[in-house]
Amino acid sequence: MYRRALEGKEKAWGPEHTSTLDTVNDLGNLYADRGKMAEAEAMYRRALEGYEKAWGPEHTSTLNTVNNLGNLYADRGKMAEAES
């Protein structure tokens, strides 16, 4: 369902629209929950880059994705990356 939503939003609004990025972040959460850490990291990084361009570094959507990425790093034992 997330993939279907993502494809539709990319076609309708483009890959950098904030609604598209919300789904990218949600897909990252799904991958993280399923233990697909590399895929989750790729989705979080994509969402983070887009949110920073659209909203800036202090927006709550940007910061939520930063937090998700930090949690992912902590779960993978990458404590230095999680802390930074």
PDB file of N, CA and C in Angstrom:
ATOM      1  N   MET A   1       0.813  -1.187   0.000  1.00  0.00           N
ATOM      2  CA  MET A   1       0.000   0.000   0.000  1.00  0.00           C
ATOM      3  C   MET A   1       0.867   1.267   0.000  1.00  0.00           C
ATOM      4  N   TYR A   2       1.928   1.264   0.822  1.00  0.00           N
ATOM      5  CA  TYR A   2       2.807   2.440   0.839  1.00  0.00           C
ATOM      6  C   TYR A   2       3.461   2.655  -0.526  1.00  0.00           C
ATOM      7  N   ARG A   3       3.909   1.573  -1.143  1.00  0.00           N
ATOM      8  CA  ARG A   3       4.533   1.684  -2.468  1.00  0.00           C
ATOM      9  C   ARG A   3       3.535   2.235  -3.485  1.00  0.00           C
ATOM     10  N   ARG A   4       2.315   1.753  -3.419  1.00  0.00           N
ATOM     11  CA  ARG A   4       1.275   2.237  -4.334  1.00  0.00           C
ATOM     12  C   ARG A   4       1.013   3.729  -4.109  1.00  0.00           C
ATOM     13  N   ALA A   5       0.912   4.109  -2.842  1.00  0.00           N
ATOM     14  CA  ALA A   5       0.710   5.524  -2.520  1.00  0.00           C
ATOM     15  C   ALA A   5       1.889   6.365  -2.996  1.00  0.00           C
ATOM     16  N   LEU A   6       3.097   5.853  -2.787  1.00  0.00           N
ATOM     17  CA  LEU A   6       4.288   6.586  -3.194  1.00  0.00           C
ATOM     18  C   LEU A   6       4.317   6.796  -4.707  1.00  0.00           C
ATOM     19  N   GLU A   7       4.046   5.739  -5.454  1.00  0.00           N
ATOM     20  CA  GLU A   7       4.046   5.856  -6.915  1.00  0.00           C
ATOM     21  C   GLU A   7       3.007   6.871  -7.389  1.00  0.00           C
ATOM     22  N   GLY A   8       1.836   6.837  -6.788  1.00  0.00           N
ATOM     23  CA  GLY A   8       0.788   7.779  -7.166  1.00  0.00           C
ATOM     24  C   GLY A   8       1.153   9.218  -6.841  1.00  0.00           C
ATOM     25  N   LYS A   9       1.722   9.431  -5.669  1.00  0.00           N
ATOM     26  CA  LYS A   9       2.114  10.786  -5.275  1.00  0.00           C
ATOM     27  C   LYS A   9       3.270  11.297  -6.123  1.00  0.00           C
ATOM     28  N   GLU A  10       4.205  10.423  -6.459  1.00  0.00           N
ATOM     29  CA  GLU A  10       5.312  10.843  -7.327  1.00  0.00           C
ATOM     30  C   GLU A  10       4.792  11.287  -8.693  1.00  0.00           C
ATOM     31  N   LYS A  11       3.807  10.563  -9.217  1.00  0.00           N
ATOM     32  CA  LYS A  11       3.224  10.937 -10.513  1.00  0.00           C
ATOM     33  C   LYS A  11       2.413  12.224 -10.412  1.00  0.00           C
ATOM     34  N   ALA A  12       1.641  12.345  -9.350  1.00  0.00           N
ATOM     35  CA  ALA A  12       0.754  13.499  -9.210  1.00  0.00           C
ATOM     36  C   ALA A  12       1.498  14.778  -8.832  1.00  0.00           C
ATOM     37  N   TRP A  13       2.423  14.674  -7.880  1.00  0.00           N
ATOM     38  CA  TRP A  13       3.051  15.873  -7.320  1.00  0.00           C
ATOM     39  C   TRP A  13       4.559  15.938  -7.498  1.00  0.00           C
ATOM     40  N   GLY A  14       5.159  14.830  -7.870  1.00  0.00           N
ATOM     41  CA  GLY A  14       6.608  14.806  -8.031  1.00  0.00           C
ATOM     42  C   GLY A  14       7.313  14.223  -6.812  1.00  0.00           C
ATOM     43  N   PRO A  15       8.576  13.836  -6.988  1.00  0.00           N
ATOM     44  CA  PRO A  15       9.305  13.138  -5.931  1.00  0.00           C
ATOM     45  C   PRO A  15       9.710  14.003  -4.745  1.00  0.00           C
ATOM     46  N   GLU A  16       9.675  15.327  -4.892  1.00  0.00           N
ATOM     47  CA  GLU A  16      10.120  16.193  -3.801  1.00  0.00           C
ATOM     48  C   GLU A  16       8.979  16.934  -3.109  1.00  0.00           C
ATOM     49  N   HIS A  17       7.744  16.638  -3.487  1.00  0.00           N
ATOM     50  CA  HIS A  17       6.599  17.256  -2.814  1.00  0.00           C
ATOM     51  C   HIS A  17       6.548  16.745  -1.378  1.00  0.00           C
ATOM     52  N   THR A  18       6.157  17.602  -0.461  1.00  0.00           N
ATOM     53  CA  THR A  18       6.177  17.201   0.950  1.00  0.00           C
ATOM     54  C   THR A  18       5.220  16.049   1.253  1.00  0.00           C
ATOM     55  N   SER A  19       4.118  15.956   0.550  1.00  0.00           N
ATOM     56  CA  SER A  19       3.214  14.818   0.744  1.00  0.00           C
ATOM     57  C   SER A  19       3.870  13.517   0.286  1.00  0.00           C
ATOM     58  N   THR A  20       4.606  13.586  -0.801  1.00  0.00           N
ATOM     59  CA  THR A  20       5.367  12.427  -1.274  1.00  0.00           C
ATOM     60  C   THR A  20       6.407  12.038  -0.233  1.00  0.00           C
ATOM     61  N   LEU A  21       7.088  13.030   0.314  1.00  0.00           N
ATOM     62  CA  LEU A  21       8.127  12.765   1.315  1.00  0.00           C
ATOM     63  C   LEU A  21       7.550  12.160   2.590  1.00  0.00           C
ATOM     64  N   ASP A  22       6.323  12.539   2.945  1.00  0.00           N
ATOM     65  CA  ASP A  22       5.670  11.920   4.105  1.00  0.00           C
ATOM     66  C   ASP A  22       5.533  10.413   3.899  1.00  0.00           C
ATOM     67  N   THR A  23       5.164  10.018   2.695  1.00  0.00           N
ATOM     68  CA  THR A  23       5.019   8.595   2.395  1.00  0.00           C
ATOM     69  C   THR A  23       6.375   7.906   2.353  1.00  0.00           C
ATOM     70  N   VAL A  24       7.389   8.595   1.852  1.00  0.00           N
ATOM     71  CA  VAL A  24       8.754   8.050   1.869  1.00  0.00           C
ATOM     72  C   VAL A  24       9.167   7.771   3.313  1.00  0.00           C
ATOM     73  N   ASN A  25       8.907   8.714   4.206  1.00  0.00           N
ATOM     74  CA  ASN A  25       9.238   8.532   5.618  1.00  0.00           C
ATOM     75  C   ASN A  25       8.451   7.363   6.222  1.00  0.00           C
ATOM     76  N   ASP A  26       7.165   7.275   5.884  1.00  0.00           N
ATOM     77  CA  ASP A  26       6.343   6.159   6.371  1.00  0.00           C
ATOM     78  C   ASP A  26       6.886   4.817   5.883  1.00  0.00           C
ATOM     79  N   LEU A  27       7.329   4.782   4.654  1.00  0.00           N
ATOM     80  CA  LEU A  27       7.912   3.557   4.108  1.00  0.00           C
ATOM     81  C   LEU A  27       9.197   3.211   4.864  1.00  0.00           C
ATOM     82  N   GLY A  28       9.974   4.222   5.215  1.00  0.00           N
ATOM     83  CA  GLY A  28      11.157   3.999   6.049  1.00  0.00           C
ATOM     84  C   GLY A  28      10.790   3.379   7.383  1.00  0.00           C
ATOM     85  N   ASN A  29       9.715   3.862   7.991  1.00  0.00           N
ATOM     86  CA  ASN A  29       9.255   3.278   9.258  1.00  0.00           C
ATOM     87  C   ASN A  29       8.878   1.814   9.087  1.00  0.00           C
ATOM     88  N   LEU A  30       8.182   1.508   8.012  1.00  0.00           N
ATOM     89  CA  LEU A  30       7.791   0.125   7.746  1.00  0.00           C
ATOM     90  C   LEU A  30       9.016  -0.761   7.583  1.00  0.00           C
ATOM     91  N   TYR A  31       9.980  -0.307   6.789  1.00  0.00           N
ATOM     92  CA  TYR A  31      11.199  -1.088   6.593  1.00  0.00           C
ATOM     93  C   TYR A  31      11.937  -1.291   7.912  1.00  0.00           C
ATOM     94  N   ALA A  32      12.020  -0.250   8.718  1.00  0.00           N
ATOM     95  CA  ALA A  32      12.702  -0.374  10.012  1.00  0.00           C
ATOM     96  C   ALA A  32      11.992  -1.394  10.893  1.00  0.00           C
ATOM     97  N   ASP A  33      10.671  -1.341  10.925  1.00  0.00           N
ATOM     98  CA  ASP A  33       9.899  -2.293  11.729  1.00  0.00           C
ATOM     99  C   ASP A  33      10.086  -3.728  11.262  1.00  0.00           C
ATOM    100  N   ARG A  34      10.357  -3.906   9.979  1.00  0.00           N
ATOM    101  CA  ARG A  34      10.545  -5.245   9.413  1.00  0.00           C
ATOM    102  C   ARG A  34      12.003  -5.685   9.433  1.00  0.00           C
ATOM    103  N   GLY A  35      12.890  -4.847   9.960  1.00  0.00           N
ATOM    104  CA  GLY A  35      14.302  -5.203  10.043  1.00  0.00           C
ATOM    105  C   GLY A  35      15.077  -4.972   8.764  1.00  0.00           C
ATOM    106  N   LYS A  36      14.485  -4.277   7.816  1.00  0.00           N
ATOM    107  CA  LYS A  36      15.164  -3.967   6.549  1.00  0.00           C
ATOM    108  C   LYS A  36      15.871  -2.620   6.707  1.00  0.00           C
ATOM    109  N   MET A  37      16.990  -2.667   7.423  1.00  0.00           N
ATOM    110  CA  MET A  37      17.643  -1.442   7.858  1.00  0.00           C
ATOM    111  C   MET A  37      18.251  -0.631   6.715  1.00  0.00           C
ATOM    112  N   ALA A  38      18.837  -1.275   5.732  1.00  0.00           N
ATOM    113  CA  ALA A  38      19.425  -0.534   4.612  1.00  0.00           C
ATOM    114  C   ALA A  38      18.341   0.199   3.826  1.00  0.00           C
ATOM    115  N   GLU A  39      17.217  -0.472   3.606  1.00  0.00           N
ATOM    116  CA  GLU A  39      16.112   0.150   2.889  1.00  0.00           C
ATOM    117  C   GLU A  39      15.520   1.300   3.701  1.00  0.00           C
ATOM    118  N   ALA A  40      15.398   1.085   5.015  1.00  0.00           N
ATOM    119  CA  ALA A  40      14.877   2.137   5.889  1.00  0.00           C
ATOM    120  C   ALA A  40      15.786   3.361   5.854  1.00  0.00           C
ATOM    121  N   GLU A  41      17.084   3.136   5.944  1.00  0.00           N
ATOM    122  CA  GLU A  41      18.022   4.256   5.915  1.00  0.00           C
ATOM    123  C   GLU A  41      17.911   5.035   4.607  1.00  0.00           C
ATOM    124  N   ALA A  42      17.788   4.336   3.494  1.00  0.00           N
ATOM    125  CA  ALA A  42      17.661   5.009   2.197  1.00  0.00           C
ATOM    126  C   ALA A  42      16.398   5.872   2.148  1.00  0.00           C
ATOM    127  N   MET A  43      15.299   5.363   2.674  1.00  0.00           N
ATOM    128  CA  MET A  43      14.053   6.128   2.675  1.00  0.00           C
ATOM    129  C   MET A  43      14.159   7.341   3.597  1.00  0.00           C
ATOM    130  N   TYR A  44      14.716   7.144   4.787  1.00  0.00           N
ATOM    131  CA  TYR A  44      14.872   8.265   5.717  1.00  0.00           C
ATOM    132  C   TYR A  44      15.779   9.343   5.136  1.00  0.00           C
ATOM    133  N   ARG A  45      16.861   8.938   4.498  1.00  0.00           N
ATOM    134  CA  ARG A  45      17.788   9.922   3.918  1.00  0.00           C
ATOM    135  C   ARG A  45      17.118  10.695   2.779  1.00  0.00           C
ATOM    136  N   ARG A  46      16.345   9.978   1.973  1.00  0.00           N
ATOM    137  CA  ARG A  46      15.617  10.658   0.891  1.00  0.00           C
ATOM    138  C   ARG A  46      14.628  11.668   1.467  1.00  0.00           C
ATOM    139  N   ALA A  47      13.863  11.241   2.470  1.00  0.00           N
ATOM    140  CA  ALA A  47      12.896  12.144   3.094  1.00  0.00           C
ATOM    141  C   ALA A  47      13.604  13.331   3.741  1.00  0.00           C
ATOM    142  N   LEU A  48      14.692  13.068   4.432  1.00  0.00           N
ATOM    143  CA  LEU A  48      15.423  14.136   5.111  1.00  0.00           C
ATOM    144  C   LEU A  48      15.938  15.176   4.125  1.00  0.00           C
ATOM    145  N   GLU A  49      16.532  14.722   3.051  1.00  0.00           N
ATOM    146  CA  GLU A  49      17.052  15.651   2.039  1.00  0.00           C
ATOM    147  C   GLU A  49      15.928  16.515   1.465  1.00  0.00           C
ATOM    148  N   GLY A  50      14.814  15.886   1.165  1.00  0.00           N
ATOM    149  CA  GLY A  50      13.684  16.628   0.614  1.00  0.00           C
ATOM    150  C   GLY A  50      13.073  17.599   1.603  1.00  0.00           C
ATOM    151  N   TYR A  51      12.902  17.165   2.848  1.00  0.00           N
ATOM    152  CA  TYR A  51      12.354  18.055   3.869  1.00  0.00           C
ATOM    153  C   TYR A  51      13.272  19.246   4.117  1.00  0.00           C
ATOM    154  N   GLU A  52      14.570  19.012   4.146  1.00  0.00           N
ATOM    155  CA  GLU A  52      15.501  20.122   4.360  1.00  0.00           C
ATOM    156  C   GLU A  52      15.391  21.152   3.241  1.00  0.00           C
ATOM    157  N   LYS A  53      15.218  20.680   2.007  1.00  0.00           N
ATOM    158  CA  LYS A  53      15.051  21.604   0.876  1.00  0.00           C
ATOM    159  C   LYS A  53      13.721  22.352   0.966  1.00  0.00           C
ATOM    160  N   ALA A  54      12.666  21.631   1.305  1.00  0.00           N
ATOM    161  CA  ALA A  54      11.324  22.220   1.303  1.00  0.00           C
ATOM    162  C   ALA A  54      11.045  23.075   2.537  1.00  0.00           C
ATOM    163  N   TRP A  55      11.401  22.569   3.704  1.00  0.00           N
ATOM    164  CA  TRP A  55      11.006  23.197   4.957  1.00  0.00           C
ATOM    165  C   TRP A  55      12.157  23.812   5.746  1.00  0.00           C
ATOM    166  N   GLY A  56      13.372  23.348   5.474  1.00  0.00           N
ATOM    167  CA  GLY A  56      14.516  23.807   6.259  1.00  0.00           C
ATOM    168  C   GLY A  56      14.834  22.844   7.390  1.00  0.00           C
ATOM    169  N   PRO A  57      15.968  23.065   8.067  1.00  0.00           N
ATOM    170  CA  PRO A  57      16.448  22.112   9.066  1.00  0.00           C
ATOM    171  C   PRO A  57      15.692  22.116  10.393  1.00  0.00           C
ATOM    172  N   GLU A  58      14.902  23.145  10.663  1.00  0.00           N
ATOM    173  CA  GLU A  58      14.234  23.253  11.964  1.00  0.00           C
ATOM    174  C   GLU A  58      12.755  22.865  11.939  1.00  0.00           C
ATOM    175  N   HIS A  59      12.230  22.512  10.792  1.00  0.00           N
ATOM    176  CA  HIS A  59      10.812  22.149  10.682  1.00  0.00           C
ATOM    177  C   HIS A  59      10.565  20.814  11.375  1.00  0.00           C
ATOM    178  N   THR A  60       9.383  20.646  11.935  1.00  0.00           N
ATOM    179  CA  THR A  60       9.080  19.420  12.674  1.00  0.00           C
ATOM    180  C   THR A  60       9.157  18.168  11.803  1.00  0.00           C
ATOM    181  N   SER A  61       8.766  18.255  10.554  1.00  0.00           N
ATOM    182  CA  SER A  61       8.873  17.084   9.671  1.00  0.00           C
ATOM    183  C   SER A  61      10.328  16.697   9.452  1.00  0.00           C
ATOM    184  N   THR A  62      11.182  17.701   9.284  1.00  0.00           N
ATOM    185  CA  THR A  62      12.616  17.438   9.139  1.00  0.00           C
ATOM    186  C   THR A  62      13.151  16.791  10.406  1.00  0.00           C
ATOM    187  N   LEU A  63      12.804  17.365  11.549  1.00  0.00           N
ATOM    188  CA  LEU A  63      13.321  16.867  12.825  1.00  0.00           C
ATOM    189  C   LEU A  63      12.784  15.479  13.163  1.00  0.00           C
ATOM    190  N   ASN A  64      11.544  15.185  12.794  1.00  0.00           N
ATOM    191  CA  ASN A  64      11.010  13.836  13.013  1.00  0.00           C
ATOM    192  C   ASN A  64      11.802  12.805  12.220  1.00  0.00           C
ATOM    193  N   THR A  65      12.181  13.162  11.009  1.00  0.00           N
ATOM    194  CA  THR A  65      12.959  12.239  10.188  1.00  0.00           C
ATOM    195  C   THR A  65      14.374  12.097  10.724  1.00  0.00           C
ATOM    196  N   VAL A  66      14.953  13.189  11.218  1.00  0.00           N
ATOM    197  CA  VAL A  66      16.263  13.111  11.879  1.00  0.00           C
ATOM    198  C   VAL A  66      16.174  12.146  13.060  1.00  0.00           C
ATOM    199  N   ASN A  67      15.102  12.250  13.834  1.00  0.00           N
ATOM    200  CA  ASN A  67      14.905  11.361  14.977  1.00  0.00           C
ATOM    201  C   ASN A  67      14.763   9.906  14.530  1.00  0.00           C
ATOM    202  N   ASN A  68      14.003   9.671  13.468  1.00  0.00           N
ATOM    203  CA  ASN A  68      13.857   8.309  12.948  1.00  0.00           C
ATOM    204  C   ASN A  68      15.205   7.734  12.527  1.00  0.00           C
ATOM    205  N   LEU A  69      16.006   8.558  11.875  1.00  0.00           N
ATOM    206  CA  LEU A  69      17.332   8.116  11.446  1.00  0.00           C
ATOM    207  C   LEU A  69      18.213   7.829  12.657  1.00  0.00           C
ATOM    208  N   GLY A  70      18.124   8.660  13.679  1.00  0.00           N
ATOM    209  CA  GLY A  70      18.873   8.420  14.915  1.00  0.00           C
ATOM    210  C   GLY A  70      18.474   7.115  15.582  1.00  0.00           C
ATOM    211  N   ASN A  71      17.181   6.845  15.633  1.00  0.00           N
ATOM    212  CA  ASN A  71      16.708   5.576  16.203  1.00  0.00           C
ATOM    213  C   ASN A  71      17.223   4.390  15.403  1.00  0.00           C
ATOM    214  N   LEU A  72      17.217   4.530  14.099  1.00  0.00           N
ATOM    215  CA  LEU A  72      17.707   3.459  13.234  1.00  0.00           C
ATOM    216  C   LEU A  72      19.185   3.187  13.511  1.00  0.00           C
ATOM    217  N   TYR A  73      19.980   4.255  13.597  1.00  0.00           N
ATOM    218  CA  TYR A  73      21.408   4.084  13.885  1.00  0.00           C
ATOM    219  C   TYR A  73      21.617   3.437  15.251  1.00  0.00           C
ATOM    220  N   ALA A  74      20.849   3.850  16.238  1.00  0.00           N
ATOM    221  CA  ALA A  74      20.972   3.251  17.570  1.00  0.00           C
ATOM    222  C   ALA A  74      20.631   1.767  17.525  1.00  0.00           C
ATOM    223  N   ASP A  75      19.580   1.420  16.812  1.00  0.00           N
ATOM    224  CA  ASP A  75      19.188   0.014  16.685  1.00  0.00           C
ATOM    225  C   ASP A  75      20.255  -0.820  15.991  1.00  0.00           C
ATOM    226  N   ARG A  76      21.035  -0.175  15.133  1.00  0.00           N
ATOM    227  CA  ARG A  76      22.101  -0.877  14.405  1.00  0.00           C
ATOM    228  C   ARG A  76      23.426  -0.838  15.154  1.00  0.00           C
ATOM    229  N   GLY A  77      23.430  -0.231  16.337  1.00  0.00           N
ATOM    230  CA  GLY A  77      24.652  -0.159  17.127  1.00  0.00           C
ATOM    231  C   GLY A  77      25.608   0.933  16.687  1.00  0.00           C
ATOM    232  N   LYS A  78      25.142   1.846  15.857  1.00  0.00           N
ATOM    233  CA  LYS A  78      25.970   2.961  15.383  1.00  0.00           C
ATOM    234  C   LYS A  78      25.726   4.162  16.299  1.00  0.00           C
ATOM    235  N   MET A  79      26.278   4.072  17.496  1.00  0.00           N
ATOM    236  CA  MET A  79      25.971   5.058  18.522  1.00  0.00           C
ATOM    237  C   MET A  79      26.509   6.449  18.204  1.00  0.00           C
ATOM    238  N   ALA A  80      27.671   6.539  17.591  1.00  0.00           N
ATOM    239  CA  ALA A  80      28.219   7.856  17.250  1.00  0.00           C
ATOM    240  C   ALA A  80      27.316   8.573  16.250  1.00  0.00           C
ATOM    241  N   GLU A  81      26.832   7.835  15.247  1.00  0.00           N
ATOM    242  CA  GLU A  81      25.928   8.428  14.266  1.00  0.00           C
ATOM    243  C   GLU A  81      24.588   8.788  14.907  1.00  0.00           C
ATOM    244  N   ALA A  82      24.110   7.931  15.798  1.00  0.00           N
ATOM    245  CA  ALA A  82      22.838   8.184  16.470  1.00  0.00           C
ATOM    246  C   ALA A  82      22.910   9.448  17.318  1.00  0.00           C
ATOM    247  N   GLU A  83      24.034   9.666  17.962  1.00  0.00           N
ATOM    248  CA  GLU A  83      24.181  10.814  18.850  1.00  0.00           C
ATOM    249  C   GLU A  83      24.359  12.123  18.089  1.00  0.00           C
ATOM    250  N   SER A  84      24.970  12.066  16.918  1.00  0.00           N
ATOM    251  CA  SER A  84      25.289  13.311  16.195  1.00  0.00           C
ATOM    252  C   SER A  84      24.113  13.971  15.598  1.00  0.00           C
TER     253      SER A  84
END
